[in-house]
Amino acid sequence: MTSLNDQRVLMEKYGIFCEQKTIYCYKKLRFNNFQDALNVAALEQDGSKEKYHDSDK
């Protein structure tokens, strides 16, 4: 296994680069974009409210 410094040297030598990416998490789910996370969270929470109100009837 290469050290972190060796890895940097090899990355520079071969033109390899890395990019950081934001991951959105909701409960144990992971999403690449915010809108997907929001849609799932809203559906789940809105669905829970409907179930709660249905039990009041």
N, C-alpha and C. Protein backbone atom coordinates (compact mmCIF):
# COMPACT_ATOMS: atom_id res chain seq x y z
N MET A 1 0.86 -1.18 0.00
CA MET A 1 0.00 0.00 0.00
C MET A 1 0.90 1.24 0.00
N THR A 2 0.46 2.27 -0.70
CA THR A 2 1.27 3.49 -0.79
C THR A 2 0.88 4.46 0.32
N SER A 3 1.87 5.25 0.75
CA SER A 3 1.58 6.28 1.76
C SER A 3 0.81 7.42 1.09
N LEU A 4 0.25 8.28 1.90
CA LEU A 4 -0.52 9.40 1.37
C LEU A 4 0.37 10.30 0.51
N ASN A 5 1.60 10.51 0.94
CA ASN A 5 2.52 11.33 0.15
C ASN A 5 2.85 10.66 -1.19
N ASP A 6 3.11 9.34 -1.16
CA ASP A 6 3.36 8.60 -2.40
C ASP A 6 2.16 8.68 -3.33
N GLN A 7 0.98 8.61 -2.74
CA GLN A 7 -0.24 8.68 -3.54
C GLN A 7 -0.34 10.03 -4.24
N ARG A 8 -0.02 11.10 -3.53
CA ARG A 8 -0.05 12.44 -4.14
C ARG A 8 0.94 12.54 -5.30
N VAL A 9 2.13 12.00 -5.09
CA VAL A 9 3.16 12.03 -6.14
C VAL A 9 2.68 11.27 -7.37
N LEU A 10 2.12 10.08 -7.16
CA LEU A 10 1.62 9.28 -8.29
C LEU A 10 0.45 9.97 -8.97
N MET A 11 -0.42 10.60 -8.20
CA MET A 11 -1.55 11.32 -8.80
C MET A 11 -1.05 12.43 -9.71
N GLU A 12 -0.05 13.18 -9.22
CA GLU A 12 0.51 14.26 -10.03
C GLU A 12 1.19 13.70 -11.28
N LYS A 13 1.94 12.62 -11.13
CA LYS A 13 2.66 12.02 -12.25
C LYS A 13 1.71 11.58 -13.35
N TYR A 14 0.59 10.96 -12.98
CA TYR A 14 -0.33 10.40 -13.97
C TYR A 14 -1.54 11.30 -14.28
N GLY A 15 -1.57 12.47 -13.68
CA GLY A 15 -2.68 13.39 -13.96
C GLY A 15 -4.01 12.95 -13.36
N ILE A 16 -3.93 12.25 -12.25
CA ILE A 16 -5.14 11.79 -11.56
C ILE A 16 -5.54 12.88 -10.56
N PHE A 17 -6.82 13.15 -10.49
CA PHE A 17 -7.30 14.13 -9.53
C PHE A 17 -8.55 13.61 -8.84
N CYS A 18 -8.91 14.26 -7.78
CA CYS A 18 -10.13 13.86 -7.07
C CYS A 18 -11.00 15.09 -6.86
N GLU A 19 -12.28 14.85 -6.74
CA GLU A 19 -13.25 15.90 -6.48
C GLU A 19 -14.08 15.49 -5.28
N GLN A 20 -14.42 16.45 -4.47
CA GLN A 20 -15.30 16.17 -3.35
C GLN A 20 -16.73 16.34 -3.82
N LYS A 21 -17.60 15.52 -3.28
CA LYS A 21 -18.99 15.53 -3.71
C LYS A 21 -19.88 15.58 -2.46
N THR A 22 -20.91 16.38 -2.51
CA THR A 22 -21.85 16.46 -1.40
C THR A 22 -22.81 15.29 -1.48
N ILE A 23 -22.99 14.61 -0.36
CA ILE A 23 -23.96 13.53 -0.24
C ILE A 23 -25.00 13.97 0.77
N TYR A 24 -26.26 13.92 0.39
CA TYR A 24 -27.36 14.28 1.27
C TYR A 24 -27.89 13.01 1.93
N CYS A 25 -28.06 13.04 3.24
CA CYS A 25 -28.50 11.87 3.99
C CYS A 25 -29.83 12.15 4.67
N TYR A 26 -30.71 11.19 4.58
CA TYR A 26 -31.98 11.23 5.31
C TYR A 26 -32.16 9.85 5.90
N LYS A 27 -32.20 9.82 7.22
CA LYS A 27 -32.20 8.55 7.94
C LYS A 27 -31.00 7.75 7.48
N LYS A 28 -31.16 6.54 7.01
CA LYS A 28 -30.00 5.75 6.57
C LYS A 28 -29.85 5.77 5.05
N LEU A 29 -30.60 6.62 4.37
CA LEU A 29 -30.54 6.72 2.92
C LEU A 29 -29.54 7.80 2.51
N ARG A 30 -28.92 7.62 1.37
CA ARG A 30 -27.95 8.58 0.85
C ARG A 30 -28.36 8.98 -0.56
N PHE A 31 -28.26 10.28 -0.85
CA PHE A 31 -28.69 10.82 -2.13
C PHE A 31 -27.60 11.70 -2.72
N ASN A 32 -27.49 11.68 -4.03
CA ASN A 32 -26.51 12.53 -4.71
C ASN A 32 -27.00 13.95 -4.91
N ASN A 33 -28.31 14.15 -4.84
CA ASN A 33 -28.81 15.52 -4.99
C ASN A 33 -29.89 15.82 -3.96
N PHE A 34 -29.99 17.09 -3.63
CA PHE A 34 -30.89 17.55 -2.58
C PHE A 34 -32.35 17.26 -2.88
N GLN A 35 -32.77 17.47 -4.11
CA GLN A 35 -34.18 17.31 -4.46
C GLN A 35 -34.67 15.89 -4.20
N ASP A 36 -33.86 14.89 -4.51
CA ASP A 36 -34.24 13.51 -4.24
C ASP A 36 -34.41 13.27 -2.74
N ALA A 37 -33.48 13.78 -1.94
CA ALA A 37 -33.57 13.63 -0.48
C ALA A 37 -34.83 14.32 0.04
N LEU A 38 -35.09 15.50 -0.44
CA LEU A 38 -36.27 16.25 -0.01
C LEU A 38 -37.55 15.53 -0.39
N ASN A 39 -37.62 15.02 -1.61
CA ASN A 39 -38.82 14.31 -2.05
C ASN A 39 -39.11 13.10 -1.17
N VAL A 40 -38.09 12.30 -0.87
CA VAL A 40 -38.30 11.11 -0.05
C VAL A 40 -38.71 11.50 1.37
N ALA A 41 -38.03 12.48 1.95
CA ALA A 41 -38.36 12.92 3.31
C ALA A 41 -39.77 13.48 3.38
N ALA A 42 -40.15 14.30 2.41
CA ALA A 42 -41.48 14.89 2.40
C ALA A 42 -42.55 13.83 2.22
N LEU A 43 -42.33 12.89 1.31
CA LEU A 43 -43.30 11.82 1.11
C LEU A 43 -43.49 11.00 2.37
N GLU A 44 -42.39 10.67 3.02
CA GLU A 44 -42.47 9.86 4.23
C GLU A 44 -43.16 10.62 5.36
N GLN A 45 -42.79 11.87 5.55
CA GLN A 45 -43.37 12.64 6.65
C GLN A 45 -44.82 13.00 6.38
N ASP A 46 -45.14 13.35 5.13
CA ASP A 46 -46.54 13.65 4.79
C ASP A 46 -47.39 12.39 4.91
N GLY A 47 -46.84 11.26 4.53
CA GLY A 47 -47.55 9.99 4.64
C GLY A 47 -47.81 9.63 6.08
N SER A 48 -46.85 9.90 6.96
CA SER A 48 -47.02 9.62 8.38
C SER A 48 -48.12 10.48 8.97
N LYS A 49 -48.20 11.74 8.56
CA LYS A 49 -49.24 12.64 9.06
C LYS A 49 -50.62 12.15 8.63
N GLU A 50 -50.72 11.70 7.36
CA GLU A 50 -52.01 11.21 6.86
C GLU A 50 -52.45 9.99 7.64
N LYS A 51 -51.53 9.07 7.93
CA LYS A 51 -51.88 7.88 8.70
C LYS A 51 -52.35 8.27 10.09
N TYR A 52 -51.69 9.27 10.70
CA TYR A 52 -52.05 9.72 12.03
C TYR A 52 -53.45 10.32 12.03
N HIS A 53 -53.76 11.15 11.04
CA HIS A 53 -55.07 11.78 10.95
C HIS A 53 -56.16 10.78 10.61
N ASP A 54 -55.84 9.76 9.80
CA ASP A 54 -56.81 8.73 9.48
C ASP A 54 -57.22 7.94 10.71
N SER A 55 -56.33 7.78 11.66
CA SER A 55 -56.66 7.03 12.87
C SER A 55 -57.55 7.82 13.80
N ASP A 56 -57.65 9.14 13.60
CA ASP A 56 -58.52 9.98 14.42
C ASP A 56 -59.98 9.83 14.04
N LYS A 57 -60.26 9.31 12.83
CA LYS A 57 -61.63 9.24 12.33
C LYS A 57 -62.37 8.09 12.93
